[in-house]
Amino acid sequence: MGFFSSAVTTLKTVVTAIGAGVAVWGIINLLEGYGNDNPGAKSQGIKQLMAGGGIVIIATQVIPLLASLFT
């Protein structure tokens, strides 16, 4: 059971890192859109920022429930 709980912790860390990366990429696109007055880049940036935030929320709220699923 220890292996499973460490695997869940590792999965949570990896998914959180991916979500944070997507959010940072969205911030960069958003700032680029404001800098160049490009509405397409602004739209894409806000979508990526929100998606990254959603991934982080899923990683912190849903993935830990996997550890209690098999106990």
N, C-alpha and C. Protein backbone atom coordinates (compact mmCIF):
# COMPACT_ATOMS: atom_id res chain seq x y z
N MET A 1 0.82 -1.19 0.00
CA MET A 1 0.00 0.00 0.00
C MET A 1 0.87 1.26 0.00
N GLY A 2 2.07 1.16 0.55
CA GLY A 2 2.97 2.32 0.58
C GLY A 2 3.36 2.77 -0.82
N PHE A 3 3.54 1.77 -1.71
CA PHE A 3 3.88 2.11 -3.09
C PHE A 3 2.75 2.89 -3.74
N PHE A 4 1.52 2.47 -3.49
CA PHE A 4 0.38 3.14 -4.10
C PHE A 4 0.26 4.58 -3.62
N SER A 5 0.45 4.81 -2.33
CA SER A 5 0.32 6.17 -1.82
C SER A 5 1.47 7.05 -2.32
N SER A 6 2.66 6.49 -2.48
CA SER A 6 3.74 7.30 -3.03
C SER A 6 3.52 7.57 -4.52
N ALA A 7 2.89 6.62 -5.23
CA ALA A 7 2.57 6.84 -6.63
C ALA A 7 1.52 7.94 -6.79
N VAL A 8 0.55 7.97 -5.89
CA VAL A 8 -0.48 9.02 -5.93
C VAL A 8 0.15 10.38 -5.64
N THR A 9 1.08 10.43 -4.69
CA THR A 9 1.76 11.68 -4.38
C THR A 9 2.58 12.16 -5.57
N THR A 10 3.27 11.24 -6.23
CA THR A 10 4.05 11.59 -7.41
C THR A 10 3.15 12.07 -8.54
N LEU A 11 2.03 11.39 -8.74
CA LEU A 11 1.07 11.79 -9.76
C LEU A 11 0.53 13.19 -9.49
N LYS A 12 0.23 13.47 -8.23
CA LYS A 12 -0.26 14.80 -7.85
C LYS A 12 0.78 15.87 -8.17
N THR A 13 2.04 15.58 -7.88
CA THR A 13 3.11 16.54 -8.15
C THR A 13 3.28 16.77 -9.64
N VAL A 14 3.26 15.70 -10.42
CA VAL A 14 3.44 15.83 -11.87
C VAL A 14 2.29 16.60 -12.50
N VAL A 15 1.06 16.27 -12.12
CA VAL A 15 -0.10 16.95 -12.71
C VAL A 15 -0.14 18.42 -12.29
N THR A 16 0.25 18.71 -11.05
CA THR A 16 0.32 20.10 -10.60
C THR A 16 1.36 20.88 -11.41
N ALA A 17 2.50 20.26 -11.66
CA ALA A 17 3.54 20.92 -12.45
C ALA A 17 3.08 21.18 -13.88
N ILE A 18 2.37 20.23 -14.46
CA ILE A 18 1.84 20.42 -15.82
C ILE A 18 0.84 21.57 -15.84
N GLY A 19 -0.06 21.60 -14.87
CA GLY A 19 -1.05 22.68 -14.79
C GLY A 19 -0.40 24.03 -14.61
N ALA A 20 0.62 24.09 -13.76
CA ALA A 20 1.32 25.36 -13.55
C ALA A 20 2.04 25.79 -14.81
N GLY A 21 2.60 24.85 -15.54
CA GLY A 21 3.26 25.18 -16.80
C GLY A 21 2.29 25.74 -17.83
N VAL A 22 1.13 25.14 -17.93
CA VAL A 22 0.10 25.64 -18.85
C VAL A 22 -0.35 27.04 -18.43
N ALA A 23 -0.50 27.25 -17.14
CA ALA A 23 -0.92 28.57 -16.65
C ALA A 23 0.13 29.63 -16.94
N VAL A 24 1.40 29.30 -16.74
CA VAL A 24 2.47 30.26 -17.03
C VAL A 24 2.53 30.55 -18.52
N TRP A 25 2.35 29.53 -19.35
CA TRP A 25 2.33 29.73 -20.79
C TRP A 25 1.15 30.64 -21.17
N GLY A 26 0.02 30.48 -20.50
CA GLY A 26 -1.12 31.34 -20.75
C GLY A 26 -0.85 32.78 -20.36
N ILE A 27 -0.17 32.99 -19.24
CA ILE A 27 0.19 34.35 -18.83
C ILE A 27 1.09 35.00 -19.86
N ILE A 28 2.05 34.23 -20.37
CA ILE A 28 2.96 34.77 -21.40
C ILE A 28 2.17 35.15 -22.65
N ASN A 29 1.26 34.29 -23.09
CA ASN A 29 0.45 34.62 -24.27
C ASN A 29 -0.44 35.82 -24.01
N LEU A 30 -0.99 35.91 -22.80
CA LEU A 30 -1.84 37.04 -22.45
C LEU A 30 -1.06 38.35 -22.50
N LEU A 31 0.12 38.35 -21.92
CA LEU A 31 0.95 39.56 -21.94
C LEU A 31 1.40 39.90 -23.36
N GLU A 32 1.69 38.87 -24.14
CA GLU A 32 2.06 39.12 -25.54
C GLU A 32 0.89 39.73 -26.30
N GLY A 33 -0.32 39.27 -26.01
CA GLY A 33 -1.51 39.82 -26.66
C GLY A 33 -1.73 41.27 -26.30
N TYR A 34 -1.49 41.63 -25.04
CA TYR A 34 -1.62 43.03 -24.64
C TYR A 34 -0.50 43.88 -25.24
N GLY A 35 0.69 43.31 -25.33
CA GLY A 35 1.82 44.08 -25.87
C GLY A 35 1.66 44.38 -27.34
N ASN A 36 1.14 43.45 -28.10
CA ASN A 36 0.99 43.62 -29.55
C ASN A 36 -0.43 44.04 -29.93
N ASP A 37 -1.30 44.24 -28.94
CA ASP A 37 -2.71 44.55 -29.17
C ASP A 37 -3.34 43.51 -30.10
N ASN A 38 -3.11 42.24 -29.74
CA ASN A 38 -3.59 41.12 -30.53
C ASN A 38 -4.70 40.41 -29.75
N PRO A 39 -5.95 40.57 -30.17
CA PRO A 39 -7.05 39.96 -29.42
C PRO A 39 -7.02 38.43 -29.46
N GLY A 40 -6.47 37.85 -30.52
CA GLY A 40 -6.38 36.39 -30.59
C GLY A 40 -5.44 35.83 -29.54
N ALA A 41 -4.31 36.48 -29.36
CA ALA A 41 -3.35 36.03 -28.35
C ALA A 41 -3.90 36.25 -26.95
N LYS A 42 -4.64 37.33 -26.75
CA LYS A 42 -5.25 37.57 -25.44
C LYS A 42 -6.27 36.48 -25.11
N SER A 43 -7.08 36.13 -26.08
CA SER A 43 -8.09 35.11 -25.88
C SER A 43 -7.44 33.75 -25.59
N GLN A 44 -6.44 33.41 -26.38
CA GLN A 44 -5.74 32.14 -26.17
C GLN A 44 -5.05 32.13 -24.81
N GLY A 45 -4.48 33.25 -24.41
CA GLY A 45 -3.78 33.33 -23.14
C GLY A 45 -4.71 33.13 -21.96
N ILE A 46 -5.88 33.75 -22.00
CA ILE A 46 -6.81 33.60 -20.88
C ILE A 46 -7.37 32.18 -20.83
N LYS A 47 -7.56 31.56 -21.99
CA LYS A 47 -8.02 30.17 -22.01
C LYS A 47 -6.98 29.24 -21.40
N GLN A 48 -5.71 29.46 -21.76
CA GLN A 48 -4.65 28.62 -21.22
C GLN A 48 -4.48 28.85 -19.72
N LEU A 49 -4.61 30.09 -19.29
CA LEU A 49 -4.49 30.40 -17.87
C LEU A 49 -5.59 29.70 -17.07
N MET A 50 -6.82 29.76 -17.55
CA MET A 50 -7.93 29.11 -16.86
C MET A 50 -7.80 27.59 -16.89
N ALA A 51 -7.35 27.05 -18.01
CA ALA A 51 -7.16 25.60 -18.10
C ALA A 51 -6.07 25.13 -17.15
N GLY A 52 -4.99 25.87 -17.07
CA GLY A 52 -3.92 25.51 -16.14
C GLY A 52 -4.39 25.56 -14.70
N GLY A 53 -5.17 26.58 -14.37
CA GLY A 53 -5.74 26.66 -13.02
C GLY A 53 -6.67 25.49 -12.73
N GLY A 54 -7.45 25.10 -13.71
CA GLY A 54 -8.34 23.95 -13.53
C GLY A 54 -7.58 22.66 -13.32
N ILE A 55 -6.49 22.49 -14.04
CA ILE A 55 -5.67 21.29 -13.88
C ILE A 55 -5.06 21.25 -12.48
N VAL A 56 -4.60 22.39 -11.99
CA VAL A 56 -4.02 22.45 -10.64
C VAL A 56 -5.08 22.13 -9.59
N ILE A 57 -6.28 22.64 -9.78
CA ILE A 57 -7.37 22.34 -8.82
C ILE A 57 -7.70 20.86 -8.83
N ILE A 58 -7.75 20.26 -10.01
CA ILE A 58 -8.01 18.82 -10.09
C ILE A 58 -6.90 18.04 -9.40
N ALA A 59 -5.66 18.47 -9.62
CA ALA A 59 -4.53 17.77 -9.01
C ALA A 59 -4.57 17.84 -7.49
N THR A 60 -4.98 18.97 -6.95
CA THR A 60 -4.94 19.12 -5.50
C THR A 60 -6.20 18.59 -4.82
N GLN A 61 -7.31 18.48 -5.54
CA GLN A 61 -8.56 18.06 -4.90
C GLN A 61 -8.95 16.62 -5.24
N VAL A 62 -8.79 16.20 -6.48
CA VAL A 62 -9.31 14.91 -6.91
C VAL A 62 -8.29 13.79 -6.77
N ILE A 63 -7.06 14.05 -7.15
CA ILE A 63 -6.05 12.99 -7.13
C ILE A 63 -5.81 12.45 -5.72
N PRO A 64 -5.77 13.27 -4.67
CA PRO A 64 -5.61 12.68 -3.32
C PRO A 64 -6.75 11.73 -2.92
N LEU A 65 -7.90 11.87 -3.54
CA LEU A 65 -8.99 10.95 -3.25
C LEU A 65 -8.69 9.54 -3.73
N LEU A 66 -7.78 9.40 -4.69
CA LEU A 66 -7.38 8.08 -5.16
C LEU A 66 -6.71 7.28 -4.05
N ALA A 67 -5.97 7.96 -3.18
CA ALA A 67 -5.29 7.25 -2.10
C ALA A 67 -6.28 6.62 -1.13
N SER A 68 -7.40 7.28 -0.91
CA SER A 68 -8.39 6.73 0.02
C SER A 68 -9.35 5.77 -0.67
N LEU A 69 -9.26 5.63 -1.97
CA LEU A 69 -10.17 4.76 -2.72
C LEU A 69 -9.94 3.30 -2.41
N PHE A 70 -8.68 2.92 -2.21
CA PHE A 70 -8.35 1.51 -2.03
C PHE A 70 -7.99 1.14 -0.60
N THR A 71 -8.37 1.98 0.36
CA THR A 71 -8.06 1.64 1.75
C THR A 71 -9.22 0.96 2.43
